[in-house]
PDB file of N, CA and C in Angstrom:
ATOM      1  N   MET A   1     -41.939  13.425  -5.259  1.00  0.00           N
ATOM      2  CA  MET A   1     -40.871  12.677  -4.635  1.00  0.00           C
ATOM      3  C   MET A   1     -41.511  11.739  -3.611  1.00  0.00           C
ATOM      4  N   SER A   2     -41.033  10.516  -3.596  1.00  0.00           N
ATOM      5  CA  SER A   2     -41.573   9.552  -2.641  1.00  0.00           C
ATOM      6  C   SER A   2     -41.110   9.912  -1.231  1.00  0.00           C
ATOM      7  N   ALA A   3     -41.782   9.325  -0.233  1.00  0.00           N
ATOM      8  CA  ALA A   3     -41.434   9.600   1.161  1.00  0.00           C
ATOM      9  C   ALA A   3     -40.002   9.164   1.457  1.00  0.00           C
ATOM     10  N   LEU A   4     -39.591   8.002   0.919  1.00  0.00           N
ATOM     11  CA  LEU A   4     -38.233   7.509   1.155  1.00  0.00           C
ATOM     12  C   LEU A   4     -37.209   8.436   0.515  1.00  0.00           C
ATOM     13  N   ALA A   5     -37.439   8.805  -0.732  1.00  0.00           N
ATOM     14  CA  ALA A   5     -36.506   9.677  -1.442  1.00  0.00           C
ATOM     15  C   ALA A   5     -36.378  11.014  -0.723  1.00  0.00           C
ATOM     16  N   LYS A   6     -37.471  11.526  -0.210  1.00  0.00           N
ATOM     17  CA  LYS A   6     -37.438  12.806   0.500  1.00  0.00           C
ATOM     18  C   LYS A   6     -36.599  12.687   1.768  1.00  0.00           C
ATOM     19  N   LYS A   7     -36.783  11.589   2.508  1.00  0.00           N
ATOM     20  CA  LYS A   7     -36.011  11.397   3.735  1.00  0.00           C
ATOM     21  C   LYS A   7     -34.519  11.226   3.431  1.00  0.00           C
ATOM     22  N   ILE A   8     -34.217  10.524   2.355  1.00  0.00           N
ATOM     23  CA  ILE A   8     -32.810  10.351   1.968  1.00  0.00           C
ATOM     24  C   ILE A   8     -32.210  11.692   1.571  1.00  0.00           C
ATOM     25  N   ALA A   9     -32.953  12.488   0.830  1.00  0.00           N
ATOM     26  CA  ALA A   9     -32.471  13.793   0.391  1.00  0.00           C
ATOM     27  C   ALA A   9     -32.226  14.734   1.567  1.00  0.00           C
ATOM     28  N   GLU A  10     -32.926  14.522   2.669  1.00  0.00           N
ATOM     29  CA  GLU A  10     -32.774  15.390   3.834  1.00  0.00           C
ATOM     30  C   GLU A  10     -31.596  14.999   4.728  1.00  0.00           C
ATOM     31  N   LEU A  11     -30.991  13.849   4.477  1.00  0.00           N
ATOM     32  CA  LEU A  11     -29.857  13.429   5.296  1.00  0.00           C
ATOM     33  C   LEU A  11     -28.695  14.396   5.105  1.00  0.00           C
ATOM     34  N   PRO A  12     -27.979  14.705   6.184  1.00  0.00           N
ATOM     35  CA  PRO A  12     -26.815  15.580   6.031  1.00  0.00           C
ATOM     36  C   PRO A  12     -25.727  14.867   5.238  1.00  0.00           C
ATOM     37  N   LEU A  13     -24.910  15.656   4.572  1.00  0.00           N
ATOM     38  CA  LEU A  13     -23.792  15.079   3.832  1.00  0.00           C
ATOM     39  C   LEU A  13     -22.807  14.477   4.817  1.00  0.00           C
ATOM     40  N   SER A  14     -22.311  13.328   4.469  1.00  0.00           N
ATOM     41  CA  SER A  14     -21.339  12.688   5.360  1.00  0.00           C
ATOM     42  C   SER A  14     -19.936  13.011   4.876  1.00  0.00           C
ATOM     43  N   ILE A  15     -19.016  12.972   5.811  1.00  0.00           N
ATOM     44  CA  ILE A  15     -17.614  13.143   5.460  1.00  0.00           C
ATOM     45  C   ILE A  15     -17.097  11.757   5.111  1.00  0.00           C
ATOM     46  N   THR A  16     -16.662  11.612   3.889  1.00  0.00           N
ATOM     47  CA  THR A  16     -16.200  10.293   3.458  1.00  0.00           C
ATOM     48  C   THR A  16     -14.745  10.102   3.842  1.00  0.00           C
ATOM     49  N   THR A  17     -14.435   8.915   4.218  1.00  0.00           N
ATOM     50  CA  THR A  17     -13.049   8.567   4.523  1.00  0.00           C
ATOM     51  C   THR A  17     -12.519   7.744   3.364  1.00  0.00           C
ATOM     52  N   PRO A  18     -11.221   7.816   3.123  1.00  0.00           N
ATOM     53  CA  PRO A  18     -10.671   7.023   2.030  1.00  0.00           C
ATOM     54  C   PRO A  18     -10.901   5.540   2.266  1.00  0.00           C
ATOM     55  N   ARG A  19     -11.078   4.822   1.192  1.00  0.00           N
ATOM     56  CA  ARG A  19     -11.272   3.385   1.285  1.00  0.00           C
ATOM     57  C   ARG A  19     -10.007   2.748   1.830  1.00  0.00           C
ATOM     58  N   ARG A  20     -10.162   1.993   2.894  1.00  0.00           N
ATOM     59  CA  ARG A  20      -9.008   1.383   3.542  1.00  0.00           C
ATOM     60  C   ARG A  20      -8.569   0.107   2.870  1.00  0.00           C
ATOM     61  N   GLY A  21      -9.499  -0.718   2.524  1.00  0.00           N
ATOM     62  CA  GLY A  21      -9.138  -2.009   1.970  1.00  0.00           C
ATOM     63  C   GLY A  21      -8.775  -2.975   3.077  1.00  0.00           C
ATOM     64  N   PRO A  22      -8.375  -4.162   2.712  1.00  0.00           N
ATOM     65  CA  PRO A  22      -8.047  -5.167   3.724  1.00  0.00           C
ATOM     66  C   PRO A  22      -6.804  -4.772   4.514  1.00  0.00           C
ATOM     67  N   ALA A  23      -6.705  -5.264   5.720  1.00  0.00           N
ATOM     68  CA  ALA A  23      -5.521  -5.002   6.536  1.00  0.00           C
ATOM     69  C   ALA A  23      -4.343  -5.727   5.908  1.00  0.00           C
ATOM     70  N   ASN A  24      -3.306  -5.002   5.663  1.00  0.00           N
ATOM     71  CA  ASN A  24      -2.126  -5.591   5.035  1.00  0.00           C
ATOM     72  C   ASN A  24      -1.055  -5.837   6.074  1.00  0.00           C
ATOM     73  N   THR A  25      -0.362  -6.939   5.943  1.00  0.00           N
ATOM     74  CA  THR A  25       0.738  -7.217   6.856  1.00  0.00           C
ATOM     75  C   THR A  25       1.939  -6.337   6.537  1.00  0.00           C
ATOM     76  N   CYS A  26       1.984  -5.779   5.337  1.00  0.00           N
ATOM     77  CA  CYS A  26       3.112  -4.931   4.959  1.00  0.00           C
ATOM     78  C   CYS A  26       2.988  -3.512   5.501  1.00  0.00           C
ATOM     79  N   PHE A  27       1.774  -3.059   5.782  1.00  0.00           N
ATOM     80  CA  PHE A  27       1.585  -1.674   6.210  1.00  0.00           C
ATOM     81  C   PHE A  27       2.361  -1.312   7.478  1.00  0.00           C
ATOM     82  N   PRO A  28       2.320  -2.125   8.538  1.00  0.00           N
ATOM     83  CA  PRO A  28       3.078  -1.744   9.734  1.00  0.00           C
ATOM     84  C   PRO A  28       4.586  -1.648   9.493  1.00  0.00           C
ATOM     85  N   ILE A  29       5.063  -2.341   8.479  1.00  0.00           N
ATOM     86  CA  ILE A  29       6.503  -2.347   8.199  1.00  0.00           C
ATOM     87  C   ILE A  29       6.889  -1.220   7.246  1.00  0.00           C
ATOM     88  N   TYR A  30       6.165  -1.118   6.113  1.00  0.00           N
ATOM     89  CA  TYR A  30       6.567  -0.197   5.052  1.00  0.00           C
ATOM     90  C   TYR A  30       5.686   1.047   4.956  1.00  0.00           C
ATOM     91  N   GLY A  31       4.557   1.053   5.645  1.00  0.00           N
ATOM     92  CA  GLY A  31       3.690   2.225   5.673  1.00  0.00           C
ATOM     93  C   GLY A  31       2.992   2.487   4.351  1.00  0.00           C
ATOM     94  N   HIS A  32       2.520   3.721   4.215  1.00  0.00           N
ATOM     95  CA  HIS A  32       1.857   4.122   2.979  1.00  0.00           C
ATOM     96  C   HIS A  32       2.862   4.087   1.833  1.00  0.00           C
ATOM     97  N   GLY A  33       2.373   3.752   0.666  1.00  0.00           N
ATOM     98  CA  GLY A  33       3.243   3.695  -0.501  1.00  0.00           C
ATOM     99  C   GLY A  33       3.866   5.054  -0.784  1.00  0.00           C
ATOM    100  N   ASP A  34       5.128   5.053  -1.112  1.00  0.00           N
ATOM    101  CA  ASP A  34       5.874   6.274  -1.370  1.00  0.00           C
ATOM    102  C   ASP A  34       6.620   6.101  -2.692  1.00  0.00           C
ATOM    103  N   LEU A  35       6.381   7.007  -3.631  1.00  0.00           N
ATOM    104  CA  LEU A  35       6.989   6.860  -4.952  1.00  0.00           C
ATOM    105  C   LEU A  35       8.507   6.961  -4.913  1.00  0.00           C
ATOM    106  N   GLU A  36       9.063   7.778  -4.038  1.00  0.00           N
ATOM    107  CA  GLU A  36      10.520   7.879  -3.955  1.00  0.00           C
ATOM    108  C   GLU A  36      11.126   6.558  -3.484  1.00  0.00           C
ATOM    109  N   ASP A  37      10.487   5.933  -2.503  1.00  0.00           N
ATOM    110  CA  ASP A  37      10.958   4.622  -2.049  1.00  0.00           C
ATOM    111  C   ASP A  37      10.840   3.600  -3.174  1.00  0.00           C
ATOM    112  N   TRP A  38       9.696   3.618  -3.855  1.00  0.00           N
ATOM    113  CA  TRP A  38       9.466   2.680  -4.959  1.00  0.00           C
ATOM    114  C   TRP A  38      10.528   2.854  -6.045  1.00  0.00           C
ATOM    115  N   GLU A  39      10.869   4.124  -6.365  1.00  0.00           N
ATOM    116  CA  GLU A  39      11.885   4.374  -7.390  1.00  0.00           C
ATOM    117  C   GLU A  39      13.229   3.782  -6.990  1.00  0.00           C
ATOM    118  N   GLN A  40      13.573   3.873  -5.701  1.00  0.00           N
ATOM    119  CA  GLN A  40      14.837   3.294  -5.241  1.00  0.00           C
ATOM    120  C   GLN A  40      14.812   1.771  -5.323  1.00  0.00           C
ATOM    121  N   ILE A  41      13.672   1.182  -5.008  1.00  0.00           N
ATOM    122  CA  ILE A  41      13.525  -0.270  -5.149  1.00  0.00           C
ATOM    123  C   ILE A  41      13.693  -0.653  -6.616  1.00  0.00           C
ATOM    124  N   GLU A  42      13.056   0.096  -7.498  1.00  0.00           N
ATOM    125  CA  GLU A  42      13.163  -0.179  -8.938  1.00  0.00           C
ATOM    126  C   GLU A  42      14.596  -0.010  -9.435  1.00  0.00           C
ATOM    127  N   THR A  43      15.323   0.953  -8.875  1.00  0.00           N
ATOM    128  CA  THR A  43      16.724   1.149  -9.249  1.00  0.00           C
ATOM    129  C   THR A  43      17.554  -0.065  -8.849  1.00  0.00           C
ATOM    130  N   LEU A  44      17.326  -0.564  -7.629  1.00  0.00           N
ATOM    131  CA  LEU A  44      18.038  -1.780  -7.216  1.00  0.00           C
ATOM    132  C   LEU A  44      17.740  -2.932  -8.164  1.00  0.00           C
ATOM    133  N   ARG A  45      16.473  -3.107  -8.504  1.00  0.00           N
ATOM    134  CA  ARG A  45      16.081  -4.192  -9.408  1.00  0.00           C
ATOM    135  C   ARG A  45      16.731  -4.014 -10.783  1.00  0.00           C
ATOM    136  N   ALA A  46      16.764  -2.771 -11.278  1.00  0.00           N
ATOM    137  CA  ALA A  46      17.370  -2.503 -12.584  1.00  0.00           C
ATOM    138  C   ALA A  46      18.881  -2.754 -12.560  1.00  0.00           C
ATOM    139  N   ASN A  47      19.486  -2.630 -11.384  1.00  0.00           N
ATOM    140  CA  ASN A  47      20.920  -2.868 -11.246  1.00  0.00           C
ATOM    141  C   ASN A  47      21.251  -4.328 -10.960  1.00  0.00           C
ATOM    142  N   GLY A  48      20.271  -5.207 -11.111  1.00  0.00           N
ATOM    143  CA  GLY A  48      20.520  -6.638 -11.029  1.00  0.00           C
ATOM    144  C   GLY A  48      20.253  -7.294  -9.689  1.00  0.00           C
ATOM    145  N   TYR A  49      19.755  -6.566  -8.718  1.00  0.00           N
ATOM    146  CA  TYR A  49      19.441  -7.170  -7.432  1.00  0.00           C
ATOM    147  C   TYR A  49      18.202  -8.054  -7.556  1.00  0.00           C
ATOM    148  N   GLU A  50      18.284  -9.238  -7.011  1.00  0.00           N
ATOM    149  CA  GLU A  50      17.127 -10.128  -6.946  1.00  0.00           C
ATOM    150  C   GLU A  50      16.204  -9.632  -5.836  1.00  0.00           C
ATOM    151  N   TRP A  51      14.921 -10.014  -5.895  1.00  0.00           N
ATOM    152  CA  TRP A  51      13.960  -9.566  -4.898  1.00  0.00           C
ATOM    153  C   TRP A  51      14.398  -9.920  -3.476  1.00  0.00           C
ATOM    154  N   ARG A  52      14.960 -11.098  -3.291  1.00  0.00           N
ATOM    155  CA  ARG A  52      15.373 -11.517  -1.947  1.00  0.00           C
ATOM    156  C   ARG A  52      16.463 -10.591  -1.396  1.00  0.00           C
ATOM    157  N   SER A  53      17.391 -10.179  -2.238  1.00  0.00           N
ATOM    158  CA  SER A  53      18.438  -9.246  -1.818  1.00  0.00           C
ATOM    159  C   SER A  53      17.871  -7.874  -1.507  1.00  0.00           C
ATOM    160  N   VAL A  54      16.951  -7.429  -2.341  1.00  0.00           N
ATOM    161  CA  VAL A  54      16.307  -6.133  -2.101  1.00  0.00           C
ATOM    162  C   VAL A  54      15.596  -6.162  -0.752  1.00  0.00           C
ATOM    163  N   GLN A  55      14.849  -7.222  -0.505  1.00  0.00           N
ATOM    164  CA  GLN A  55      14.133  -7.327   0.768  1.00  0.00           C
ATOM    165  C   GLN A  55      15.111  -7.333   1.933  1.00  0.00           C
ATOM    166  N   SER A  56      16.186  -8.044   1.802  1.00  0.00           N
ATOM    167  CA  SER A  56      17.175  -8.119   2.873  1.00  0.00           C
ATOM    168  C   SER A  56      17.736  -6.729   3.182  1.00  0.00           C
ATOM    169  N   HIS A  57      18.096  -5.987   2.144  1.00  0.00           N
ATOM    170  CA  HIS A  57      18.634  -4.638   2.340  1.00  0.00           C
ATOM    171  C   HIS A  57      17.598  -3.713   2.982  1.00  0.00           C
ATOM    172  N   VAL A  58      16.386  -3.711   2.456  1.00  0.00           N
ATOM    173  CA  VAL A  58      15.333  -2.830   2.975  1.00  0.00           C
ATOM    174  C   VAL A  58      15.014  -3.181   4.424  1.00  0.00           C
ATOM    175  N   ASP A  59      14.855  -4.460   4.706  1.00  0.00           N
ATOM    176  CA  ASP A  59      14.518  -4.872   6.063  1.00  0.00           C
ATOM    177  C   ASP A  59      15.649  -4.558   7.044  1.00  0.00           C
ATOM    178  N   ASN A  60      16.900  -4.680   6.601  1.00  0.00           N
ATOM    179  CA  ASN A  60      18.024  -4.310   7.467  1.00  0.00           C
ATOM    180  C   ASN A  60      18.019  -2.811   7.764  1.00  0.00           C
ATOM    181  N   ILE A  61      17.763  -2.010   6.753  1.00  0.00           N
ATOM    182  CA  ILE A  61      17.713  -0.555   6.935  1.00  0.00           C
ATOM    183  C   ILE A  61      16.613  -0.179   7.923  1.00  0.00           C
ATOM    184  N   LEU A  62      15.462  -0.846   7.821  1.00  0.00           N
ATOM    185  CA  LEU A  62      14.315  -0.524   8.677  1.00  0.00           C
ATOM    186  C   LEU A  62      14.345  -1.248  10.018  1.00  0.00           C
ATOM    187  N   GLY A  63      15.279  -2.156  10.198  1.00  0.00           N
ATOM    188  CA  GLY A  63      15.361  -2.904  11.451  1.00  0.00           C
ATOM    189  C   GLY A  63      14.240  -3.913  11.633  1.00  0.00           C
ATOM    190  N   VAL A  64      13.783  -4.490  10.531  1.00  0.00           N
ATOM    191  CA  VAL A  64      12.698  -5.473  10.577  1.00  0.00           C
ATOM    192  C   VAL A  64      13.235  -6.777  11.155  1.00  0.00           C
ATOM    193  N   GLU A  65      12.605  -7.226  12.236  1.00  0.00           N
ATOM    194  CA  GLU A  65      13.048  -8.463  12.871  1.00  0.00           C
ATOM    195  C   GLU A  65      12.373  -9.699  12.300  1.00  0.00           C
ATOM    196  N   ARG A  66      11.126  -9.544  11.859  1.00  0.00           N
ATOM    197  CA  ARG A  66      10.382 -10.677  11.293  1.00  0.00           C
ATOM    198  C   ARG A  66       9.964 -10.321   9.867  1.00  0.00           C
ATOM    199  N   PRO A  67      10.785 -10.632   8.885  1.00  0.00           N
ATOM    200  CA  PRO A  67      10.476 -10.274   7.495  1.00  0.00           C
ATOM    201  C   PRO A  67       9.188 -10.940   6.996  1.00  0.00           C
ATOM    202  N   LEU A  68       8.550 -10.262   6.082  1.00  0.00           N
ATOM    203  CA  LEU A  68       7.380 -10.824   5.403  1.00  0.00           C
ATOM    204  C   LEU A  68       7.817 -11.948   4.483  1.00  0.00           C
ATOM    205  N   ALA A  69       6.861 -12.743   4.078  1.00  0.00           N
ATOM    206  CA  ALA A  69       7.148 -13.705   3.011  1.00  0.00           C
ATOM    207  C   ALA A  69       7.553 -12.907   1.771  1.00  0.00           C
ATOM    208  N   LEU A  70       8.465 -13.449   1.002  1.00  0.00           N
ATOM    209  CA  LEU A  70       8.980 -12.737  -0.168  1.00  0.00           C
ATOM    210  C   LEU A  70       7.863 -12.327  -1.122  1.00  0.00           C
ATOM    211  N   ALA A  71       6.868 -13.181  -1.299  1.00  0.00           N
ATOM    212  CA  ALA A  71       5.756 -12.864  -2.210  1.00  0.00           C
ATOM    213  C   ALA A  71       5.004 -11.619  -1.741  1.00  0.00           C
ATOM    214  N   LYS A  72       4.827 -11.449  -0.441  1.00  0.00           N
ATOM    215  CA  LYS A  72       4.137 -10.274   0.087  1.00  0.00           C
ATOM    216  C   LYS A  72       4.991  -9.028  -0.071  1.00  0.00           C
ATOM    217  N   PHE A  73       6.293  -9.181   0.113  1.00  0.00           N
ATOM    218  CA  PHE A  73       7.212  -8.059  -0.106  1.00  0.00           C
ATOM    219  C   PHE A  73       7.123  -7.584  -1.550  1.00  0.00           C
ATOM    220  N   ARG A  74       7.194  -8.518  -2.484  1.00  0.00           N
ATOM    221  CA  ARG A  74       7.101  -8.165  -3.908  1.00  0.00           C
ATOM    222  C   ARG A  74       5.761  -7.531  -4.232  1.00  0.00           C
ATOM    223  N   TYR A  75       4.697  -8.081  -3.680  1.00  0.00           N
ATOM    224  CA  TYR A  75       3.349  -7.562  -3.925  1.00  0.00           C
ATOM    225  C   TYR A  75       3.259  -6.103  -3.492  1.00  0.00           C
ATOM    226  N   HIS A  76       3.832  -5.805  -2.323  1.00  0.00           N
ATOM    227  CA  HIS A  76       3.822  -4.422  -1.842  1.00  0.00           C
ATOM    228  C   HIS A  76       4.600  -3.515  -2.794  1.00  0.00           C
ATOM    229  N   TRP A  77       5.814  -3.886  -3.123  1.00  0.00           N
ATOM    230  CA  TRP A  77       6.670  -3.011  -3.918  1.00  0.00           C
ATOM    231  C   TRP A  77       6.334  -3.012  -5.405  1.00  0.00           C
ATOM    232  N   ARG A  78       5.448  -3.872  -5.818  1.00  0.00           N
ATOM    233  CA  ARG A  78       4.909  -3.774  -7.183  1.00  0.00           C
ATOM    234  C   ARG A  78       3.674  -2.885  -7.205  1.00  0.00           C
ATOM    235  N   ARG A  79       3.394  -2.260  -6.060  1.00  0.00           N
ATOM    236  CA  ARG A  79       2.300  -1.280  -5.903  1.00  0.00           C
ATOM    237  C   ARG A  79       0.936  -1.905  -6.165  1.00  0.00           C
ATOM    238  N   ARG A  80       0.707  -3.062  -5.615  1.00  0.00           N
ATOM    239  CA  ARG A  80      -0.568  -3.735  -5.830  1.00  0.00           C
ATOM    240  C   ARG A  80      -1.440  -3.772  -4.582  1.00  0.00           C
ATOM    241  N   CYS A  81      -0.875  -3.493  -3.424  1.00  0.00           N
ATOM    242  CA  CYS A  81      -1.646  -3.611  -2.181  1.00  0.00           C
ATOM    243  C   CYS A  81      -2.305  -2.281  -1.818  1.00  0.00           C
ATOM    244  N   PHE A  82      -3.110  -2.320  -0.770  1.00  0.00           N
ATOM    245  CA  PHE A  82      -3.862  -1.144  -0.349  1.00  0.00           C
ATOM    246  C   PHE A  82      -3.005  -0.120   0.390  1.00  0.00           C
ATOM    247  N   CYS A  83      -1.725  -0.369   0.571  1.00  0.00           N
ATOM    248  CA  CYS A  83      -0.841   0.635   1.155  1.00  0.00           C
ATOM    249  C   CYS A  83      -0.658   1.805   0.193  1.00  0.00           C
ATOM    250  N   TRP A  84      -0.882   1.532  -1.074  1.00  0.00           N
ATOM    251  CA  TRP A  84      -0.695   2.546  -2.106  1.00  0.00           C
ATOM    252  C   TRP A  84      -2.002   3.234  -2.424  1.00  0.00           C
ATOM    253  N   PRO A  85      -1.974   4.549  -2.603  1.00  0.00           N
ATOM    254  CA  PRO A  85      -3.213   5.229  -3.018  1.00  0.00           C
ATOM    255  C   PRO A  85      -3.708   4.622  -4.330  1.00  0.00           C
ATOM    256  N   GLU A  86      -4.992   4.656  -4.505  1.00  0.00           N
ATOM    257  CA  GLU A  86      -5.592   4.002  -5.671  1.00  0.00           C
ATOM    258  C   GLU A  86      -4.992   4.488  -6.996  1.00  0.00           C
ATOM    259  N   ASP A  87      -4.671   5.779  -7.080  1.00  0.00           N
ATOM    260  CA  ASP A  87      -4.147   6.318  -8.331  1.00  0.00           C
ATOM    261  C   ASP A  87      -2.699   5.892  -8.601  1.00  0.00           C
ATOM    262  N   LEU A  88      -2.041   5.308  -7.603  1.00  0.00           N
ATOM    263  CA  LEU A  88      -0.663   4.828  -7.801  1.00  0.00           C
ATOM    264  C   LEU A  88      -0.570   3.313  -7.898  1.00  0.00           C
ATOM    265  N   ARG A  89      -1.668   2.625  -7.618  1.00  0.00           N
ATOM    266  CA  ARG A  89      -1.662   1.168  -7.698  1.00  0.00           C
ATOM    267  C   ARG A  89      -1.620   0.722  -9.137  1.00  0.00           C
ATOM    268  N   ARG A  90      -1.051  -0.448  -9.332  1.00  0.00           N
ATOM    269  CA  ARG A  90      -1.004  -1.015 -10.689  1.00  0.00           C
ATOM    270  C   ARG A  90      -1.979  -2.135 -10.823  1.00  0.00           C
TER     271      ARG A  90
END
């Protein structure tokens, strides 16, 4: 074993933290992705609500004073951002 490999092998195991990803503007508002919340959003969409209406209802329920841009809202609720665990992202 080379000197470098030996020194690397002697390093203590580190405690890994989950990958955070970029800071999302949606996280402070909607938090970590939640499948139950997502299912309710999908139910609204299936019942004919447009994204803008869905955002309005959700933001009113949460008391959001400064709504996100609609594209960011959709991006979050389509489970594409880092608010969602990797195994739930699409």
